[in-house]
Amino acid sequence: MRIISQNGLLDAPYELLAISPYSGNMATIVGTFPGNDIGKGDRVYILGEYSSEEKAIKAMEMCREKYQGFFTKGNCMLDHPKVFRFPADDEI
């Protein structure tokens, strides 16, 4: 599955990203590539920014549900787009 950031500037394979709330602002979802050492200046990509921590958590749940759906609905890899774009704040 491909992950598209809220602003459309990042398009990366889900399997290669570590996705989490940003520790400095739990309402922001960020992605990093595993193995990167954030403390040494490696890039952190903003995947979505929300007005509350609850909305950020919901966006992460939506992403996981979309990914899980590819494995629980039979041959749905052919039936559904293999893309998840983090929704806008007002879409949650």
PDB file of N, CA and C in Angstrom:
ATOM      1  N   MET A   1       0.852  -1.168   0.000  1.00  0.00           N
ATOM      2  CA  MET A   1       0.000   0.000   0.000  1.00  0.00           C
ATOM      3  C   MET A   1       0.897   1.229   0.000  1.00  0.00           C
ATOM      4  N   ARG A   2       0.450   2.264  -0.673  1.00  0.00           N
ATOM      5  CA  ARG A   2       1.158   3.535  -0.703  1.00  0.00           C
ATOM      6  C   ARG A   2       0.544   4.468   0.339  1.00  0.00           C
ATOM      7  N   ILE A   3       1.390   5.226   1.003  1.00  0.00           N
ATOM      8  CA  ILE A   3       0.944   6.250   1.949  1.00  0.00           C
ATOM      9  C   ILE A   3       1.185   7.602   1.304  1.00  0.00           C
ATOM     10  N   ILE A   4       0.130   8.395   1.246  1.00  0.00           N
ATOM     11  CA  ILE A   4       0.218   9.746   0.710  1.00  0.00           C
ATOM     12  C   ILE A   4      -0.006  10.710   1.867  1.00  0.00           C
ATOM     13  N   SER A   5       0.878  11.671   2.004  1.00  0.00           N
ATOM     14  CA  SER A   5       0.707  12.655   3.075  1.00  0.00           C
ATOM     15  C   SER A   5      -0.513  13.524   2.795  1.00  0.00           C
ATOM     16  N   GLN A   6      -0.988  14.166   3.821  1.00  0.00           N
ATOM     17  CA  GLN A   6      -2.160  15.033   3.735  1.00  0.00           C
ATOM     18  C   GLN A   6      -1.982  16.085   2.637  1.00  0.00           C
ATOM     19  N   ASN A   7      -0.777  16.635   2.525  1.00  0.00           N
ATOM     20  CA  ASN A   7      -0.535  17.684   1.526  1.00  0.00           C
ATOM     21  C   ASN A   7      -0.111  17.124   0.175  1.00  0.00           C
ATOM     22  N   GLY A   8       0.033  15.814   0.073  1.00  0.00           N
ATOM     23  CA  GLY A   8       0.361  15.176  -1.193  1.00  0.00           C
ATOM     24  C   GLY A   8       1.843  15.182  -1.561  1.00  0.00           C
ATOM     25  N   LEU A   9       2.698  15.694  -0.709  1.00  0.00           N
ATOM     26  CA  LEU A   9       4.114  15.821  -1.048  1.00  0.00           C
ATOM     27  C   LEU A   9       4.925  14.555  -0.773  1.00  0.00           C
ATOM     28  N   LEU A  10       4.400  13.648   0.044  1.00  0.00           N
ATOM     29  CA  LEU A  10       5.106  12.387   0.296  1.00  0.00           C
ATOM     30  C   LEU A  10       4.247  11.236  -0.204  1.00  0.00           C
ATOM     31  N   ASP A  11       4.861  10.365  -0.966  1.00  0.00           N
ATOM     32  CA  ASP A  11       4.223   9.158  -1.479  1.00  0.00           C
ATOM     33  C   ASP A  11       5.246   8.053  -1.265  1.00  0.00           C
ATOM     34  N   ALA A  12       4.981   7.178  -0.292  1.00  0.00           N
ATOM     35  CA  ALA A  12       5.964   6.162   0.075  1.00  0.00           C
ATOM     36  C   ALA A  12       5.260   4.846   0.391  1.00  0.00           C
ATOM     37  N   PRO A  13       5.972   3.735   0.285  1.00  0.00           N
ATOM     38  CA  PRO A  13       5.388   2.447   0.650  1.00  0.00           C
ATOM     39  C   PRO A  13       5.128   2.367   2.154  1.00  0.00           C
ATOM     40  N   TYR A  14       3.945   1.919   2.517  1.00  0.00           N
ATOM     41  CA  TYR A  14       3.574   1.758   3.924  1.00  0.00           C
ATOM     42  C   TYR A  14       4.580   0.887   4.656  1.00  0.00           C
ATOM     43  N   GLU A  15       5.028  -0.151   3.999  1.00  0.00           N
ATOM     44  CA  GLU A  15       5.916  -1.120   4.616  1.00  0.00           C
ATOM     45  C   GLU A  15       7.292  -0.541   4.962  1.00  0.00           C
ATOM     46  N   LEU A  16       7.645   0.602   4.399  1.00  0.00           N
ATOM     47  CA  LEU A  16       8.954   1.199   4.652  1.00  0.00           C
ATOM     48  C   LEU A  16       8.911   2.388   5.606  1.00  0.00           C
ATOM     49  N   LEU A  17       7.724   2.756   6.072  1.00  0.00           N
ATOM     50  CA  LEU A  17       7.578   3.910   6.968  1.00  0.00           C
ATOM     51  C   LEU A  17       7.277   3.479   8.386  1.00  0.00           C
ATOM     52  N   ALA A  18       7.826   4.204   9.319  1.00  0.00           N
ATOM     53  CA  ALA A  18       7.405   4.106  10.718  1.00  0.00           C
ATOM     54  C   ALA A  18       6.505   5.310  10.949  1.00  0.00           C
ATOM     55  N   ILE A  19       5.245   5.063  11.272  1.00  0.00           N
ATOM     56  CA  ILE A  19       4.253   6.134  11.414  1.00  0.00           C
ATOM     57  C   ILE A  19       3.885   6.277  12.876  1.00  0.00           C
ATOM     58  N   SER A  20       3.900   7.516  13.372  1.00  0.00           N
ATOM     59  CA  SER A  20       3.573   7.742  14.780  1.00  0.00           C
ATOM     60  C   SER A  20       3.190   9.198  15.002  1.00  0.00           C
ATOM     61  N   PRO A  21       2.527   9.475  16.122  1.00  0.00           N
ATOM     62  CA  PRO A  21       2.314  10.874  16.492  1.00  0.00           C
ATOM     63  C   PRO A  21       3.671  11.499  16.817  1.00  0.00           C
ATOM     64  N   TYR A  22       3.824  12.749  16.488  1.00  0.00           N
ATOM     65  CA  TYR A  22       5.063  13.467  16.778  1.00  0.00           C
ATOM     66  C   TYR A  22       5.108  13.778  18.268  1.00  0.00           C
ATOM     67  N   SER A  23       6.195  13.457  18.919  1.00  0.00           N
ATOM     68  CA  SER A  23       6.276  13.611  20.377  1.00  0.00           C
ATOM     69  C   SER A  23       6.132  15.061  20.821  1.00  0.00           C
ATOM     70  N   GLY A  24       6.482  16.015  19.970  1.00  0.00           N
ATOM     71  CA  GLY A  24       6.354  17.425  20.334  1.00  0.00           C
ATOM     72  C   GLY A  24       4.936  17.958  20.184  1.00  0.00           C
ATOM     73  N   ASN A  25       4.115  17.273  19.375  1.00  0.00           N
ATOM     74  CA  ASN A  25       2.733  17.692  19.146  1.00  0.00           C
ATOM     75  C   ASN A  25       1.953  16.443  18.746  1.00  0.00           C
ATOM     76  N   MET A  26       1.238  15.870  19.685  1.00  0.00           N
ATOM     77  CA  MET A  26       0.563  14.600  19.456  1.00  0.00           C
ATOM     78  C   MET A  26      -0.557  14.687  18.416  1.00  0.00           C
ATOM     79  N   ALA A  27      -0.905  15.892  17.948  1.00  0.00           N
ATOM     80  CA  ALA A  27      -1.929  16.039  16.918  1.00  0.00           C
ATOM     81  C   ALA A  27      -1.318  16.016  15.522  1.00  0.00           C
ATOM     82  N   THR A  28      -0.012  15.819  15.419  1.00  0.00           N
ATOM     83  CA  THR A  28       0.682  15.724  14.143  1.00  0.00           C
ATOM     84  C   THR A  28       1.172  14.290  13.952  1.00  0.00           C
ATOM     85  N   ILE A  29       0.867  13.721  12.790  1.00  0.00           N
ATOM     86  CA  ILE A  29       1.319  12.378  12.451  1.00  0.00           C
ATOM     87  C   ILE A  29       2.555  12.514  11.571  1.00  0.00           C
ATOM     88  N   VAL A  30       3.607  11.805  11.931  1.00  0.00           N
ATOM     89  CA  VAL A  30       4.840  11.870  11.158  1.00  0.00           C
ATOM     90  C   VAL A  30       5.238  10.471  10.694  1.00  0.00           C
ATOM     91  N   GLY A  31       6.064  10.458   9.682  1.00  0.00           N
ATOM     92  CA  GLY A  31       6.629   9.210   9.191  1.00  0.00           C
ATOM     93  C   GLY A  31       8.134   9.351   9.070  1.00  0.00           C
ATOM     94  N   THR A  32       8.821   8.307   9.418  1.00  0.00           N
ATOM     95  CA  THR A  32      10.271   8.240   9.230  1.00  0.00           C
ATOM     96  C   THR A  32      10.584   6.891   8.593  1.00  0.00           C
ATOM     97  N   PHE A  33      11.726   6.807   8.001  1.00  0.00           N
ATOM     98  CA  PHE A  33      12.155   5.538   7.443  1.00  0.00           C
ATOM     99  C   PHE A  33      12.966   4.809   8.500  1.00  0.00           C
ATOM    100  N   PRO A  34      12.599   3.581   8.876  1.00  0.00           N
ATOM    101  CA  PRO A  34      13.334   2.849   9.908  1.00  0.00           C
ATOM    102  C   PRO A  34      14.829   2.814   9.606  1.00  0.00           C
ATOM    103  N   GLY A  35      15.595   2.946  10.643  1.00  0.00           N
ATOM    104  CA  GLY A  35      17.042   2.981  10.493  1.00  0.00           C
ATOM    105  C   GLY A  35      17.580   4.400  10.483  1.00  0.00           C
ATOM    106  N   ASN A  36      16.710   5.373  10.219  1.00  0.00           N
ATOM    107  CA  ASN A  36      17.130   6.769  10.289  1.00  0.00           C
ATOM    108  C   ASN A  36      17.315   7.150  11.747  1.00  0.00           C
ATOM    109  N   ASP A  37      18.296   7.923  12.025  1.00  0.00           N
ATOM    110  CA  ASP A  37      18.545   8.415  13.378  1.00  0.00           C
ATOM    111  C   ASP A  37      18.058   9.856  13.445  1.00  0.00           C
ATOM    112  N   ILE A  38      16.836  10.041  13.956  1.00  0.00           N
ATOM    113  CA  ILE A  38      16.224  11.364  13.976  1.00  0.00           C
ATOM    114  C   ILE A  38      17.116  12.381  14.679  1.00  0.00           C
ATOM    115  N   GLY A  39      17.813  11.960  15.692  1.00  0.00           N
ATOM    116  CA  GLY A  39      18.673  12.868  16.434  1.00  0.00           C
ATOM    117  C   GLY A  39      19.865  13.373  15.650  1.00  0.00           C
ATOM    118  N   LYS A  40      20.138  12.785  14.503  1.00  0.00           N
ATOM    119  CA  LYS A  40      21.291  13.196  13.710  1.00  0.00           C
ATOM    120  C   LYS A  40      20.872  13.923  12.439  1.00  0.00           C
ATOM    121  N   GLY A  41      19.716  14.538  12.460  1.00  0.00           N
ATOM    122  CA  GLY A  41      19.298  15.377  11.345  1.00  0.00           C
ATOM    123  C   GLY A  41      18.583  14.668  10.219  1.00  0.00           C
ATOM    124  N   ASP A  42      18.225  13.393  10.381  1.00  0.00           N
ATOM    125  CA  ASP A  42      17.477  12.730   9.328  1.00  0.00           C
ATOM    126  C   ASP A  42      16.074  13.315   9.235  1.00  0.00           C
ATOM    127  N   ARG A  43      15.482  13.178   8.083  1.00  0.00           N
ATOM    128  CA  ARG A  43      14.195  13.815   7.817  1.00  0.00           C
ATOM    129  C   ARG A  43      13.033  13.118   8.507  1.00  0.00           C
ATOM    130  N   VAL A  44      12.143  13.933   9.016  1.00  0.00           N
ATOM    131  CA  VAL A  44      10.859  13.486   9.544  1.00  0.00           C
ATOM    132  C   VAL A  44       9.817  14.084   8.603  1.00  0.00           C
ATOM    133  N   TYR A  45       8.933  13.257   8.098  1.00  0.00           N
ATOM    134  CA  TYR A  45       7.935  13.703   7.138  1.00  0.00           C
ATOM    135  C   TYR A  45       6.592  13.868   7.828  1.00  0.00           C
ATOM    136  N   ILE A  46       5.981  15.023   7.687  1.00  0.00           N
ATOM    137  CA  ILE A  46       4.651  15.255   8.256  1.00  0.00           C
ATOM    138  C   ILE A  46       3.634  14.609   7.325  1.00  0.00           C
ATOM    139  N   LEU A  47       2.898  13.654   7.873  1.00  0.00           N
ATOM    140  CA  LEU A  47       1.880  12.955   7.093  1.00  0.00           C
ATOM    141  C   LEU A  47       0.513  13.596   7.248  1.00  0.00           C
ATOM    142  N   GLY A  48       0.258  14.187   8.407  1.00  0.00           N
ATOM    143  CA  GLY A  48      -1.026  14.834   8.644  1.00  0.00           C
ATOM    144  C   GLY A  48      -0.969  15.701   9.882  1.00  0.00           C
ATOM    145  N   GLU A  49      -1.684  16.808   9.851  1.00  0.00           N
ATOM    146  CA  GLU A  49      -1.774  17.703  11.007  1.00  0.00           C
ATOM    147  C   GLU A  49      -3.243  17.883  11.347  1.00  0.00           C
ATOM    148  N   TYR A  50      -3.560  17.725  12.643  1.00  0.00           N
ATOM    149  CA  TYR A  50      -4.943  17.730  13.086  1.00  0.00           C
ATOM    150  C   TYR A  50      -5.143  18.692  14.238  1.00  0.00           C
ATOM    151  N   SER A  51      -6.386  19.048  14.473  1.00  0.00           N
ATOM    152  CA  SER A  51      -6.710  20.025  15.512  1.00  0.00           C
ATOM    153  C   SER A  51      -6.724  19.425  16.908  1.00  0.00           C
ATOM    154  N   SER A  52      -6.683  18.089  16.986  1.00  0.00           N
ATOM    155  CA  SER A  52      -6.668  17.448  18.304  1.00  0.00           C
ATOM    156  C   SER A  52      -5.948  16.108  18.219  1.00  0.00           C
ATOM    157  N   GLU A  53      -5.493  15.655  19.367  1.00  0.00           N
ATOM    158  CA  GLU A  53      -4.848  14.354  19.456  1.00  0.00           C
ATOM    159  C   GLU A  53      -5.830  13.247  19.076  1.00  0.00           C
ATOM    160  N   GLU A  54      -7.097  13.407  19.445  1.00  0.00           N
ATOM    161  CA  GLU A  54      -8.109  12.394  19.140  1.00  0.00           C
ATOM    162  C   GLU A  54      -8.268  12.217  17.625  1.00  0.00           C
ATOM    163  N   LYS A  55      -8.231  13.323  16.882  1.00  0.00           N
ATOM    164  CA  LYS A  55      -8.342  13.229  15.426  1.00  0.00           C
ATOM    165  C   LYS A  55      -7.113  12.558  14.832  1.00  0.00           C
ATOM    166  N   ALA A  56      -5.956  12.835  15.376  1.00  0.00           N
ATOM    167  CA  ALA A  56      -4.729  12.195  14.894  1.00  0.00           C
ATOM    168  C   ALA A  56      -4.795  10.689  15.129  1.00  0.00           C
ATOM    169  N   ILE A  57      -5.275  10.292  16.285  1.00  0.00           N
ATOM    170  CA  ILE A  57      -5.410   8.868  16.598  1.00  0.00           C
ATOM    171  C   ILE A  57      -6.401   8.219  15.632  1.00  0.00           C
ATOM    172  N   LYS A  58      -7.499   8.894  15.349  1.00  0.00           N
ATOM    173  CA  LYS A  58      -8.495   8.375  14.415  1.00  0.00           C
ATOM    174  C   LYS A  58      -7.894   8.221  13.024  1.00  0.00           C
ATOM    175  N   ALA A  59      -7.080   9.166  12.583  1.00  0.00           N
ATOM    176  CA  ALA A  59      -6.435   9.077  11.268  1.00  0.00           C
ATOM    177  C   ALA A  59      -5.512   7.864  11.210  1.00  0.00           C
ATOM    178  N   MET A  60      -4.783   7.616  12.289  1.00  0.00           N
ATOM    179  CA  MET A  60      -3.907   6.442  12.327  1.00  0.00           C
ATOM    180  C   MET A  60      -4.729   5.162  12.288  1.00  0.00           C
ATOM    181  N   GLU A  61      -5.855   5.129  12.977  1.00  0.00           N
ATOM    182  CA  GLU A  61      -6.741   3.963  12.947  1.00  0.00           C
ATOM    183  C   GLU A  61      -7.271   3.727  11.531  1.00  0.00           C
ATOM    184  N   MET A  62      -7.635   4.810  10.849  1.00  0.00           N
ATOM    185  CA  MET A  62      -8.130   4.700   9.476  1.00  0.00           C
ATOM    186  C   MET A  62      -7.067   4.083   8.566  1.00  0.00           C
ATOM    187  N   CYS A  63      -5.831   4.483   8.752  1.00  0.00           N
ATOM    188  CA  CYS A  63      -4.727   3.945   7.959  1.00  0.00           C
ATOM    189  C   CYS A  63      -4.558   2.448   8.216  1.00  0.00           C
ATOM    190  N   ARG A  64      -4.546   2.072   9.487  1.00  0.00           N
ATOM    191  CA  ARG A  64      -4.393   0.647   9.829  1.00  0.00           C
ATOM    192  C   ARG A  64      -5.551  -0.185   9.294  1.00  0.00           C
ATOM    193  N   GLU A  65      -6.776   0.346   9.386  1.00  0.00           N
ATOM    194  CA  GLU A  65      -7.945  -0.381   8.893  1.00  0.00           C
ATOM    195  C   GLU A  65      -7.878  -0.575   7.384  1.00  0.00           C
ATOM    196  N   LYS A  66      -7.437   0.445   6.679  1.00  0.00           N
ATOM    197  CA  LYS A  66      -7.302   0.341   5.226  1.00  0.00           C
ATOM    198  C   LYS A  66      -6.291  -0.750   4.871  1.00  0.00           C
ATOM    199  N   TYR A  67      -5.147  -0.745   5.551  1.00  0.00           N
ATOM    200  CA  TYR A  67      -4.106  -1.748   5.296  1.00  0.00           C
ATOM    201  C   TYR A  67      -4.606  -3.145   5.640  1.00  0.00           C
ATOM    202  N   GLN A  68      -5.247  -3.280   6.789  1.00  0.00           N
ATOM    203  CA  GLN A  68      -5.759  -4.578   7.216  1.00  0.00           C
ATOM    204  C   GLN A  68      -6.810  -5.091   6.246  1.00  0.00           C
ATOM    205  N   GLY A  69      -7.596  -4.199   5.666  1.00  0.00           N
ATOM    206  CA  GLY A  69      -8.638  -4.591   4.729  1.00  0.00           C
ATOM    207  C   GLY A  69      -8.119  -5.349   3.526  1.00  0.00           C
ATOM    208  N   PHE A  70      -6.870  -5.110   3.160  1.00  0.00           N
ATOM    209  CA  PHE A  70      -6.300  -5.830   2.019  1.00  0.00           C
ATOM    210  C   PHE A  70      -6.109  -7.307   2.311  1.00  0.00           C
ATOM    211  N   PHE A  71      -6.078  -7.669   3.575  1.00  0.00           N
ATOM    212  CA  PHE A  71      -5.800  -9.049   3.938  1.00  0.00           C
ATOM    213  C   PHE A  71      -7.018  -9.784   4.474  1.00  0.00           C
ATOM    214  N   THR A  72      -8.137  -9.090   4.684  1.00  0.00           N
ATOM    215  CA  THR A  72      -9.296  -9.736   5.291  1.00  0.00           C
ATOM    216  C   THR A  72     -10.498  -9.834   4.356  1.00  0.00           C
ATOM    217  N   LYS A  73     -10.404  -9.285   3.156  1.00  0.00           N
ATOM    218  CA  LYS A  73     -11.546  -9.310   2.249  1.00  0.00           C
ATOM    219  C   LYS A  73     -11.261 -10.147   1.010  1.00  0.00           C
ATOM    220  N   GLY A  74     -10.562 -11.230   1.195  1.00  0.00           N
ATOM    221  CA  GLY A  74     -10.261 -12.089   0.056  1.00  0.00           C
ATOM    222  C   GLY A  74      -9.245 -11.448  -0.861  1.00  0.00           C
ATOM    223  N   ASN A  75      -9.564 -11.410  -2.122  1.00  0.00           N
ATOM    224  CA  ASN A  75      -8.638 -10.889  -3.124  1.00  0.00           C
ATOM    225  C   ASN A  75      -8.865  -9.392  -3.340  1.00  0.00           C
ATOM    226  N   CYS A  76      -8.943  -8.650  -2.267  1.00  0.00           N
ATOM    227  CA  CYS A  76      -9.283  -7.238  -2.390  1.00  0.00           C
ATOM    228  C   CYS A  76      -8.138  -6.381  -2.906  1.00  0.00           C
ATOM    229  N   MET A  77      -6.927  -6.929  -3.035  1.00  0.00           N
ATOM    230  CA  MET A  77      -5.848  -6.141  -3.622  1.00  0.00           C
ATOM    231  C   MET A  77      -6.234  -5.708  -5.036  1.00  0.00           C
ATOM    232  N   LEU A  78      -7.103  -6.479  -5.692  1.00  0.00           N
ATOM    233  CA  LEU A  78      -7.560  -6.112  -7.030  1.00  0.00           C
ATOM    234  C   LEU A  78      -8.800  -5.228  -6.978  1.00  0.00           C
ATOM    235  N   ASP A  79      -9.536  -5.277  -5.865  1.00  0.00           N
ATOM    236  CA  ASP A  79     -10.818  -4.583  -5.769  1.00  0.00           C
ATOM    237  C   ASP A  79     -10.720  -3.153  -5.255  1.00  0.00           C
ATOM    238  N   HIS A  80      -9.650  -2.813  -4.569  1.00  0.00           N
ATOM    239  CA  HIS A  80      -9.552  -1.507  -3.939  1.00  0.00           C
ATOM    240  C   HIS A  80      -8.246  -0.830  -4.319  1.00  0.00           C
ATOM    241  N   PRO A  81      -8.238   0.493  -4.345  1.00  0.00           N
ATOM    242  CA  PRO A  81      -6.963   1.170  -4.578  1.00  0.00           C
ATOM    243  C   PRO A  81      -5.981   0.833  -3.467  1.00  0.00           C
ATOM    244  N   LYS A  82      -4.747   0.729  -3.808  1.00  0.00           N
ATOM    245  CA  LYS A  82      -3.719   0.379  -2.831  1.00  0.00           C
ATOM    246  C   LYS A  82      -3.066   1.643  -2.297  1.00  0.00           C
ATOM    247  N   VAL A  83      -3.886   2.615  -1.933  1.00  0.00           N
ATOM    248  CA  VAL A  83      -3.384   3.919  -1.503  1.00  0.00           C
ATOM    249  C   VAL A  83      -4.177   4.390  -0.296  1.00  0.00           C
ATOM    250  N   PHE A  84      -3.481   5.001   0.651  1.00  0.00           N
ATOM    251  CA  PHE A  84      -4.154   5.691   1.748  1.00  0.00           C
ATOM    252  C   PHE A  84      -3.564   7.089   1.825  1.00  0.00           C
ATOM    253  N   ARG A  85      -4.424   8.080   1.723  1.00  0.00           N
ATOM    254  CA  ARG A  85      -3.996   9.467   1.892  1.00  0.00           C
ATOM    255  C   ARG A  85      -4.538   9.955   3.225  1.00  0.00           C
ATOM    256  N   PHE A  86      -3.665  10.515   4.038  1.00  0.00           N
ATOM    257  CA  PHE A  86      -4.124  11.024   5.321  1.00  0.00           C
ATOM    258  C   PHE A  86      -5.165  12.107   5.072  1.00  0.00           C
ATOM    259  N   PRO A  87      -6.349  11.963   5.704  1.00  0.00           N
ATOM    260  CA  PRO A  87      -7.446  12.897   5.440  1.00  0.00           C
ATOM    261  C   PRO A  87      -7.194  14.274   6.057  1.00  0.00           C
ATOM    262  N   ALA A  88      -7.892  15.241   5.508  1.00  0.00           N
ATOM    263  CA  ALA A  88      -7.861  16.596   6.069  1.00  0.00           C
ATOM    264  C   ALA A  88      -8.534  16.587   7.443  1.00  0.00           C
ATOM    265  N   ASP A  89      -8.225  17.576   8.238  1.00  0.00           N
ATOM    266  CA  ASP A  89      -8.767  17.669   9.586  1.00  0.00           C
ATOM    267  C   ASP A  89     -10.299  17.619   9.583  1.00  0.00           C
ATOM    268  N   ASP A  90     -10.922  18.312   8.651  1.00  0.00           N
ATOM    269  CA  ASP A  90     -12.388  18.367   8.632  1.00  0.00           C
ATOM    270  C   ASP A  90     -13.043  17.113   8.043  1.00  0.00           C
ATOM    271  N   GLU A  91     -12.238  16.170   7.587  1.00  0.00           N
ATOM    272  CA  GLU A  91     -12.767  14.901   7.066  1.00  0.00           C
ATOM    273  C   GLU A  91     -12.834  13.817   8.128  1.00  0.00           C
ATOM    274  N   ILE A  92     -12.393  14.139   9.333  1.00  0.00           N
ATOM    275  CA  ILE A  92     -12.418  13.156  10.426  1.00  0.00           C
ATOM    276  C   ILE A  92     -13.538  13.517  11.388  1.00  0.00           C
TER     277      ILE A  92
END
